[in-house]
PDB file of N, CA and C in Angstrom:
ATOM      1  N   MET A   1      26.604  89.859  52.167  1.00  0.00           N
ATOM      2  CA  MET A   1      25.724  89.091  52.449  1.00  0.00           C
ATOM      3  C   MET A   1      24.938  87.612  52.179  1.00  0.00           C
ATOM      4  N   GLN A   2      25.132  86.171  52.462  1.00  0.00           N
ATOM      5  CA  GLN A   2      25.146  85.347  52.068  1.00  0.00           C
ATOM      6  C   GLN A   2      23.621  84.577  52.581  1.00  0.00           C
ATOM      7  N   HIS A   3      22.690  84.359  51.115  1.00  0.00           N
ATOM      8  CA  HIS A   3      21.894  83.978  51.947  1.00  0.00           C
ATOM      9  C   HIS A   3      21.823  82.325  51.601  1.00  0.00           C
ATOM     10  N   SER A   4      21.634  81.786  52.658  1.00  0.00           N
ATOM     11  CA  SER A   4      21.148  80.986  52.079  1.00  0.00           C
ATOM     12  C   SER A   4      19.866  79.911  52.525  1.00  0.00           C
ATOM     13  N   LEU A   5      19.869  78.746  51.329  1.00  0.00           N
ATOM     14  CA  LEU A   5      18.392  78.213  50.671  1.00  0.00           C
ATOM     15  C   LEU A   5      18.250  76.835  50.778  1.00  0.00           C
ATOM     16  N   GLU A   6      17.348  76.278  51.206  1.00  0.00           N
ATOM     17  CA  GLU A   6      17.222  74.857  52.084  1.00  0.00           C
ATOM     18  C   GLU A   6      16.276  73.988  51.178  1.00  0.00           C
ATOM     19  N   LEU A   7      16.734  73.293  50.391  1.00  0.00           N
ATOM     20  CA  LEU A   7      15.532  72.335  49.682  1.00  0.00           C
ATOM     21  C   LEU A   7      15.152  71.304  50.111  1.00  0.00           C
ATOM     22  N   GLU A   8      14.134  71.643  49.953  1.00  0.00           N
ATOM     23  CA  GLU A   8      13.146  70.304  50.318  1.00  0.00           C
ATOM     24  C   GLU A   8      13.687  68.900  49.788  1.00  0.00           C
ATOM     25  N   LYS A   9      14.117  67.699  49.989  1.00  0.00           N
ATOM     26  CA  LYS A   9      14.921  66.883  49.759  1.00  0.00           C
ATOM     27  C   LYS A   9      13.138  65.843  49.149  1.00  0.00           C
ATOM     28  N   PRO A  10      12.629  65.605  47.945  1.00  0.00           N
ATOM     29  CA  PRO A  10      11.575  65.393  47.273  1.00  0.00           C
ATOM     30  C   PRO A  10      11.019  64.010  48.123  1.00  0.00           C
ATOM     31  N   LYS A  11      10.539  63.578  48.506  1.00  0.00           N
ATOM     32  CA  LYS A  11       9.291  62.434  48.918  1.00  0.00           C
ATOM     33  C   LYS A  11       9.197  61.658  48.343  1.00  0.00           C
ATOM     34  N   PRO A  12       9.764  60.086  48.384  1.00  0.00           N
ATOM     35  CA  PRO A  12       9.424  59.104  47.602  1.00  0.00           C
ATOM     36  C   PRO A  12       7.919  58.975  47.288  1.00  0.00           C
ATOM     37  N   HIS A  13       7.870  58.654  45.977  1.00  0.00           N
ATOM     38  CA  HIS A  13       5.998  58.622  45.926  1.00  0.00           C
ATOM     39  C   HIS A  13       5.891  56.898  46.024  1.00  0.00           C
ATOM     40  N   ARG A  14       4.451  56.716  46.217  1.00  0.00           N
ATOM     41  CA  ARG A  14       4.246  55.482  47.085  1.00  0.00           C
ATOM     42  C   ARG A  14       2.996  55.267  45.214  1.00  0.00           C
ATOM     43  N   VAL A  15       4.353  54.118  45.458  1.00  0.00           N
ATOM     44  CA  VAL A  15       3.093  53.061  43.553  1.00  0.00           C
ATOM     45  C   VAL A  15       2.229  52.130  43.376  1.00  0.00           C
ATOM     46  N   LEU A  16       1.165  52.446  43.487  1.00  0.00           N
ATOM     47  CA  LEU A  16       0.227  51.216  43.421  1.00  0.00           C
ATOM     48  C   LEU A  16       0.194  50.625  42.494  1.00  0.00           C
ATOM     49  N   ARG A  17       0.645  49.640  42.555  1.00  0.00           N
ATOM     50  CA  ARG A  17       0.746  48.178  41.546  1.00  0.00           C
ATOM     51  C   ARG A  17      -0.818  47.816  41.438  1.00  0.00           C
ATOM     52  N   ARG A  18      -1.062  47.609  40.649  1.00  0.00           N
ATOM     53  CA  ARG A  18      -2.499  46.772  40.283  1.00  0.00           C
ATOM     54  C   ARG A  18      -2.656  45.790  40.441  1.00  0.00           C
ATOM     55  N   LYS A  19      -2.791  44.023  40.861  1.00  0.00           N
ATOM     56  CA  LYS A  19      -2.489  43.205  40.950  1.00  0.00           C
ATOM     57  C   LYS A  19      -3.438  41.791  39.887  1.00  0.00           C
ATOM     58  N   TYR A  20      -2.722  41.415  38.987  1.00  0.00           N
ATOM     59  CA  TYR A  20      -3.666  40.838  37.763  1.00  0.00           C
ATOM     60  C   TYR A  20      -3.994  38.896  38.121  1.00  0.00           C
ATOM     61  N   MET A  21      -4.789  38.795  37.562  1.00  0.00           N
ATOM     62  CA  MET A  21      -5.089  37.302  37.776  1.00  0.00           C
ATOM     63  C   MET A  21      -5.500  36.784  35.897  1.00  0.00           C
ATOM     64  N   HIS A  22      -5.076  35.885  35.817  1.00  0.00           N
ATOM     65  CA  HIS A  22      -5.001  35.021  34.317  1.00  0.00           C
ATOM     66  C   HIS A  22      -5.889  34.524  34.388  1.00  0.00           C
ATOM     67  N   ILE A  23      -6.500  35.013  33.363  1.00  0.00           N
ATOM     68  CA  ILE A  23      -7.870  33.592  33.154  1.00  0.00           C
ATOM     69  C   ILE A  23      -8.135  33.151  31.607  1.00  0.00           C
ATOM     70  N   THR A  24      -9.094  32.280  31.544  1.00  0.00           N
ATOM     71  CA  THR A  24      -9.052  32.410  29.725  1.00  0.00           C
ATOM     72  C   THR A  24     -10.341  32.327  29.313  1.00  0.00           C
ATOM     73  N   LEU A  25     -10.955  33.611  28.694  1.00  0.00           N
ATOM     74  CA  LEU A  25     -12.083  34.362  28.102  1.00  0.00           C
ATOM     75  C   LEU A  25     -12.525  33.308  26.647  1.00  0.00           C
ATOM     76  N   ASN A  26     -13.664  32.716  26.966  1.00  0.00           N
ATOM     77  CA  ASN A  26     -13.783  32.037  25.426  1.00  0.00           C
ATOM     78  C   ASN A  26     -12.632  31.535  24.701  1.00  0.00           C
ATOM     79  N   GLY A  27     -11.666  31.126  25.300  1.00  0.00           N
ATOM     80  CA  GLY A  27     -10.694  30.192  25.142  1.00  0.00           C
ATOM     81  C   GLY A  27      -9.358  31.153  24.772  1.00  0.00           C
ATOM     82  N   GLU A  28      -9.261  32.621  25.416  1.00  0.00           N
ATOM     83  CA  GLU A  28      -8.064  33.291  25.417  1.00  0.00           C
ATOM     84  C   GLU A  28      -7.940  33.773  26.001  1.00  0.00           C
ATOM     85  N   GLY A  29      -6.677  33.666  26.058  1.00  0.00           N
ATOM     86  CA  GLY A  29      -5.961  33.848  28.066  1.00  0.00           C
ATOM     87  C   GLY A  29      -6.005  35.960  28.021  1.00  0.00           C
ATOM     88  N   VAL A  30      -6.607  35.932  28.974  1.00  0.00           N
ATOM     89  CA  VAL A  30      -6.688  36.965  29.311  1.00  0.00           C
ATOM     90  C   VAL A  30      -6.111  37.045  31.046  1.00  0.00           C
ATOM     91  N   ASP A  31      -5.646  38.590  30.937  1.00  0.00           N
ATOM     92  CA  ASP A  31      -5.802  39.688  32.270  1.00  0.00           C
ATOM     93  C   ASP A  31      -6.439  40.278  33.042  1.00  0.00           C
ATOM     94  N   ILE A  32      -6.741  39.938  34.156  1.00  0.00           N
ATOM     95  CA  ILE A  32      -7.568  40.955  34.268  1.00  0.00           C
ATOM     96  C   ILE A  32      -7.698  41.352  36.188  1.00  0.00           C
ATOM     97  N   ALA A  33      -7.813  42.843  36.322  1.00  0.00           N
ATOM     98  CA  ALA A  33      -7.733  43.136  37.758  1.00  0.00           C
ATOM     99  C   ALA A  33      -8.449  41.823  38.951  1.00  0.00           C
ATOM    100  N   GLU A  34      -7.200  41.847  40.099  1.00  0.00           N
ATOM    101  CA  GLU A  34      -7.669  40.399  41.062  1.00  0.00           C
ATOM    102  C   GLU A  34      -9.002  41.492  41.550  1.00  0.00           C
ATOM    103  N   GLY A  35      -9.738  40.414  42.143  1.00  0.00           N
ATOM    104  CA  GLY A  35     -10.807  40.967  42.858  1.00  0.00           C
ATOM    105  C   GLY A  35     -12.094  41.137  41.953  1.00  0.00           C
ATOM    106  N   SER A  36     -12.049  40.598  40.675  1.00  0.00           N
ATOM    107  CA  SER A  36     -13.397  41.170  39.448  1.00  0.00           C
ATOM    108  C   SER A  36     -14.404  39.731  40.055  1.00  0.00           C
ATOM    109  N   THR A  37     -15.428  40.366  39.893  1.00  0.00           N
ATOM    110  CA  THR A  37     -16.840  39.476  39.561  1.00  0.00           C
ATOM    111  C   THR A  37     -17.336  39.598  37.892  1.00  0.00           C
ATOM    112  N   VAL A  38     -18.169  38.946  37.985  1.00  0.00           N
ATOM    113  CA  VAL A  38     -19.071  38.069  37.003  1.00  0.00           C
ATOM    114  C   VAL A  38     -19.716  39.659  36.258  1.00  0.00           C
ATOM    115  N   ALA A  39     -20.044  40.213  36.859  1.00  0.00           N
ATOM    116  CA  ALA A  39     -20.186  41.599  36.489  1.00  0.00           C
ATOM    117  C   ALA A  39     -19.351  42.339  36.133  1.00  0.00           C
ATOM    118  N   GLY A  40     -18.926  42.888  36.549  1.00  0.00           N
ATOM    119  CA  GLY A  40     -16.769  43.731  36.327  1.00  0.00           C
ATOM    120  C   GLY A  40     -16.593  43.372  35.118  1.00  0.00           C
ATOM    121  N   LEU A  41     -16.327  41.828  35.415  1.00  0.00           N
ATOM    122  CA  LEU A  41     -16.228  41.587  33.746  1.00  0.00           C
ATOM    123  C   LEU A  41     -17.134  42.021  32.709  1.00  0.00           C
ATOM    124  N   LEU A  42     -18.364  41.878  32.647  1.00  0.00           N
ATOM    125  CA  LEU A  42     -19.565  42.014  31.618  1.00  0.00           C
ATOM    126  C   LEU A  42     -19.270  43.720  31.520  1.00  0.00           C
ATOM    127  N   GLU A  43     -19.204  44.261  32.773  1.00  0.00           N
ATOM    128  CA  GLU A  43     -18.928  46.141  32.314  1.00  0.00           C
ATOM    129  C   GLU A  43     -17.830  46.636  31.514  1.00  0.00           C
ATOM    130  N   HIS A  44     -16.549  45.884  31.487  1.00  0.00           N
ATOM    131  CA  HIS A  44     -15.543  45.662  30.938  1.00  0.00           C
ATOM    132  C   HIS A  44     -15.538  45.535  29.405  1.00  0.00           C
ATOM    133  N   LEU A  45     -16.575  44.593  29.326  1.00  0.00           N
ATOM    134  CA  LEU A  45     -16.202  43.715  27.653  1.00  0.00           C
ATOM    135  C   LEU A  45     -17.686  44.436  27.101  1.00  0.00           C
ATOM    136  N   GLN A  46     -18.066  45.838  27.985  1.00  0.00           N
ATOM    137  CA  GLN A  46     -19.433  46.310  28.072  1.00  0.00           C
ATOM    138  C   GLN A  46     -20.604  45.289  27.026  1.00  0.00           C
ATOM    139  N   LEU A  47     -20.872  44.566  28.142  1.00  0.00           N
ATOM    140  CA  LEU A  47     -21.932  43.799  27.894  1.00  0.00           C
ATOM    141  C   LEU A  47     -23.449  43.736  28.740  1.00  0.00           C
ATOM    142  N   GLN A  48     -23.966  43.704  28.236  1.00  0.00           N
ATOM    143  CA  GLN A  48     -25.693  43.835  29.436  1.00  0.00           C
ATOM    144  C   GLN A  48     -25.443  42.578  30.193  1.00  0.00           C
ATOM    145  N   HIS A  49     -25.810  42.971  30.851  1.00  0.00           N
ATOM    146  CA  HIS A  49     -26.328  41.050  31.325  1.00  0.00           C
ATOM    147  C   HIS A  49     -27.233  40.435  31.278  1.00  0.00           C
ATOM    148  N   GLU A  50     -28.511  41.229  30.701  1.00  0.00           N
ATOM    149  CA  GLU A  50     -29.807  40.377  30.405  1.00  0.00           C
ATOM    150  C   GLU A  50     -29.355  39.727  29.068  1.00  0.00           C
ATOM    151  N   ARG A  51     -28.336  39.813  27.741  1.00  0.00           N
ATOM    152  CA  ARG A  51     -28.320  39.167  26.245  1.00  0.00           C
ATOM    153  C   ARG A  51     -27.222  38.161  26.859  1.00  0.00           C
ATOM    154  N   VAL A  52     -26.452  37.617  27.970  1.00  0.00           N
ATOM    155  CA  VAL A  52     -25.315  37.226  28.108  1.00  0.00           C
ATOM    156  C   VAL A  52     -25.841  35.716  28.638  1.00  0.00           C
ATOM    157  N   ALA A  53     -25.156  34.551  28.528  1.00  0.00           N
ATOM    158  CA  ALA A  53     -25.096  33.491  29.764  1.00  0.00           C
ATOM    159  C   ALA A  53     -23.749  33.258  30.049  1.00  0.00           C
ATOM    160  N   VAL A  54     -23.101  33.073  31.304  1.00  0.00           N
ATOM    161  CA  VAL A  54     -22.528  33.217  31.375  1.00  0.00           C
ATOM    162  C   VAL A  54     -21.622  31.785  32.078  1.00  0.00           C
ATOM    163  N   GLU A  55     -20.878  31.259  31.459  1.00  0.00           N
ATOM    164  CA  GLU A  55     -20.360  29.611  32.560  1.00  0.00           C
ATOM    165  C   GLU A  55     -18.687  29.793  32.951  1.00  0.00           C
ATOM    166  N   VAL A  56     -18.579  30.250  34.187  1.00  0.00           N
ATOM    167  CA  VAL A  56     -17.149  29.529  34.946  1.00  0.00           C
ATOM    168  C   VAL A  56     -16.697  28.472  35.405  1.00  0.00           C
ATOM    169  N   ASN A  57     -15.910  27.739  34.945  1.00  0.00           N
ATOM    170  CA  ASN A  57     -15.388  26.407  35.219  1.00  0.00           C
ATOM    171  C   ASN A  57     -16.772  25.297  34.944  1.00  0.00           C
ATOM    172  N   LEU A  58     -17.228  25.492  33.574  1.00  0.00           N
ATOM    173  CA  LEU A  58     -18.278  24.313  33.252  1.00  0.00           C
ATOM    174  C   LEU A  58     -19.455  25.130  34.250  1.00  0.00           C
ATOM    175  N   ASP A  59     -20.115  25.517  35.056  1.00  0.00           N
ATOM    176  CA  ASP A  59     -20.828  25.882  36.050  1.00  0.00           C
ATOM    177  C   ASP A  59     -21.457  27.152  35.068  1.00  0.00           C
ATOM    178  N   ILE A  60     -22.754  27.325  35.245  1.00  0.00           N
ATOM    179  CA  ILE A  60     -23.438  28.240  34.813  1.00  0.00           C
ATOM    180  C   ILE A  60     -23.738  29.334  35.767  1.00  0.00           C
ATOM    181  N   ILE A  61     -23.604  30.095  35.975  1.00  0.00           N
ATOM    182  CA  ILE A  61     -23.816  31.645  37.126  1.00  0.00           C
ATOM    183  C   ILE A  61     -24.864  32.106  36.620  1.00  0.00           C
ATOM    184  N   PRO A  62     -26.156  32.190  37.944  1.00  0.00           N
ATOM    185  CA  PRO A  62     -27.679  32.792  37.652  1.00  0.00           C
ATOM    186  C   PRO A  62     -27.194  34.417  37.411  1.00  0.00           C
ATOM    187  N   LYS A  63     -28.086  34.720  36.440  1.00  0.00           N
ATOM    188  CA  LYS A  63     -27.860  36.049  36.455  1.00  0.00           C
ATOM    189  C   LYS A  63     -27.902  36.704  37.844  1.00  0.00           C
ATOM    190  N   THR A  64     -28.649  36.742  38.918  1.00  0.00           N
ATOM    191  CA  THR A  64     -28.449  37.388  39.832  1.00  0.00           C
ATOM    192  C   THR A  64     -27.113  37.201  40.472  1.00  0.00           C
ATOM    193  N   ALA A  65     -26.312  35.929  40.415  1.00  0.00           N
ATOM    194  CA  ALA A  65     -25.125  36.307  41.633  1.00  0.00           C
ATOM    195  C   ALA A  65     -24.154  37.344  40.433  1.00  0.00           C
ATOM    196  N   TYR A  66     -24.265  37.401  39.375  1.00  0.00           N
ATOM    197  CA  TYR A  66     -23.195  37.846  38.529  1.00  0.00           C
ATOM    198  C   TYR A  66     -22.667  38.944  39.264  1.00  0.00           C
ATOM    199  N   ASP A  67     -23.270  40.016  40.270  1.00  0.00           N
ATOM    200  CA  ASP A  67     -22.492  41.050  41.223  1.00  0.00           C
ATOM    201  C   ASP A  67     -21.775  40.092  42.268  1.00  0.00           C
ATOM    202  N   SER A  68     -21.757  38.950  42.879  1.00  0.00           N
ATOM    203  CA  SER A  68     -21.371  38.644  44.004  1.00  0.00           C
ATOM    204  C   SER A  68     -20.282  37.360  43.736  1.00  0.00           C
ATOM    205  N   HIS A  69     -20.744  36.893  42.241  1.00  0.00           N
ATOM    206  CA  HIS A  69     -19.476  35.864  42.078  1.00  0.00           C
ATOM    207  C   HIS A  69     -17.876  36.253  41.838  1.00  0.00           C
ATOM    208  N   GLY A  70     -16.922  36.014  42.795  1.00  0.00           N
ATOM    209  CA  GLY A  70     -16.115  36.520  42.309  1.00  0.00           C
ATOM    210  C   GLY A  70     -15.436  35.225  41.142  1.00  0.00           C
ATOM    211  N   LEU A  71     -13.988  36.721  40.509  1.00  0.00           N
ATOM    212  CA  LEU A  71     -13.633  35.351  39.618  1.00  0.00           C
ATOM    213  C   LEU A  71     -12.104  35.056  39.967  1.00  0.00           C
ATOM    214  N   ALA A  72     -11.336  34.002  40.104  1.00  0.00           N
ATOM    215  CA  ALA A  72     -10.073  33.651  39.947  1.00  0.00           C
ATOM    216  C   ALA A  72      -8.958  33.897  39.369  1.00  0.00           C
ATOM    217  N   ASP A  73      -7.449  33.126  39.988  1.00  0.00           N
ATOM    218  CA  ASP A  73      -6.631  33.431  38.586  1.00  0.00           C
ATOM    219  C   ASP A  73      -6.949  31.604  38.114  1.00  0.00           C
ATOM    220  N   GLY A  74      -6.491  31.484  36.671  1.00  0.00           N
ATOM    221  CA  GLY A  74      -7.061  30.421  36.260  1.00  0.00           C
ATOM    222  C   GLY A  74      -8.213  30.244  35.940  1.00  0.00           C
ATOM    223  N   ASP A  75      -9.321  30.819  36.429  1.00  0.00           N
ATOM    224  CA  ASP A  75     -10.431  30.776  35.963  1.00  0.00           C
ATOM    225  C   ASP A  75     -11.143  30.700  34.442  1.00  0.00           C
ATOM    226  N   ARG A  76     -11.859  29.932  33.968  1.00  0.00           N
ATOM    227  CA  ARG A  76     -12.381  28.970  32.469  1.00  0.00           C
ATOM    228  C   ARG A  76     -13.860  29.671  32.723  1.00  0.00           C
ATOM    229  N   ILE A  77     -13.712  31.413  31.449  1.00  0.00           N
ATOM    230  CA  ILE A  77     -14.589  31.078  31.480  1.00  0.00           C
ATOM    231  C   ILE A  77     -15.177  31.619  30.168  1.00  0.00           C
ATOM    232  N   GLU A  78     -16.736  31.384  29.718  1.00  0.00           N
ATOM    233  CA  GLU A  78     -16.886  31.724  28.583  1.00  0.00           C
ATOM    234  C   GLU A  78     -18.019  32.431  28.375  1.00  0.00           C
ATOM    235  N   ILE A  79     -18.375  32.861  27.320  1.00  0.00           N
ATOM    236  CA  ILE A  79     -19.408  34.154  27.278  1.00  0.00           C
ATOM    237  C   ILE A  79     -20.008  34.135  26.588  1.00  0.00           C
ATOM    238  N   VAL A  80     -21.798  33.814  26.334  1.00  0.00           N
ATOM    239  CA  VAL A  80     -22.537  33.775  25.092  1.00  0.00           C
ATOM    240  C   VAL A  80     -23.337  34.506  24.793  1.00  0.00           C
ATOM    241  N   HIS A  81     -22.970  35.613  23.926  1.00  0.00           N
ATOM    242  CA  HIS A  81     -23.937  36.826  23.951  1.00  0.00           C
ATOM    243  C   HIS A  81     -24.824  36.895  22.805  1.00  0.00           C
ATOM    244  N   PHE A  82     -26.278  36.947  23.071  1.00  0.00           N
ATOM    245  CA  PHE A  82     -27.129  36.653  22.513  1.00  0.00           C
ATOM    246  C   PHE A  82     -27.335  37.996  21.476  1.00  0.00           C
ATOM    247  N   VAL A  83     -28.136  37.404  19.772  1.00  0.00           N
ATOM    248  CA  VAL A  83     -28.735  38.894  19.553  1.00  0.00           C
ATOM    249  C   VAL A  83     -29.571  38.442  18.580  1.00  0.00           C
ATOM    250  N   GLY A  84     -30.335  39.380  19.290  1.00  0.00           N
ATOM    251  CA  GLY A  84     -31.948  39.603  18.008  1.00  0.00           C
ATOM    252  C   GLY A  84     -32.187  39.447  16.780  1.00  0.00           C
ATOM    253  N   GLY A  85     -32.732  39.284  16.001  1.00  0.00           N
ATOM    254  CA  GLY A  85     -32.868  39.505  14.578  1.00  0.00           C
ATOM    255  C   GLY A  85     -33.952  39.146  14.061  1.00  0.00           C
ATOM    256  N   GLY A  86     -34.408  38.954  13.098  1.00  0.00           N
ATOM    257  CA  GLY A  86     -35.566  38.030  12.567  1.00  0.00           C
ATOM    258  C   GLY A  86     -35.249  38.784  10.284  1.00  0.00           C
TER     259      GLY A  86
END
């Protein structure tokens, strides 16, 4: 008695590639995910919104716009972090 086994062919895996863009952050080149916002960048850097000032391409971004201000490939970003003390 012969048994035949039919093996299922493996399905091709769908690889999702995250796209990145290149920005300059405080003078250094950095790759970040496309679609990033100022708020997302601050979160990634673990910086509190209340204690920083952010400039994108020489424009100061109001804190109220951090969530909506999208970043683009080639942006030049400066972040100043305020430190208290005395």
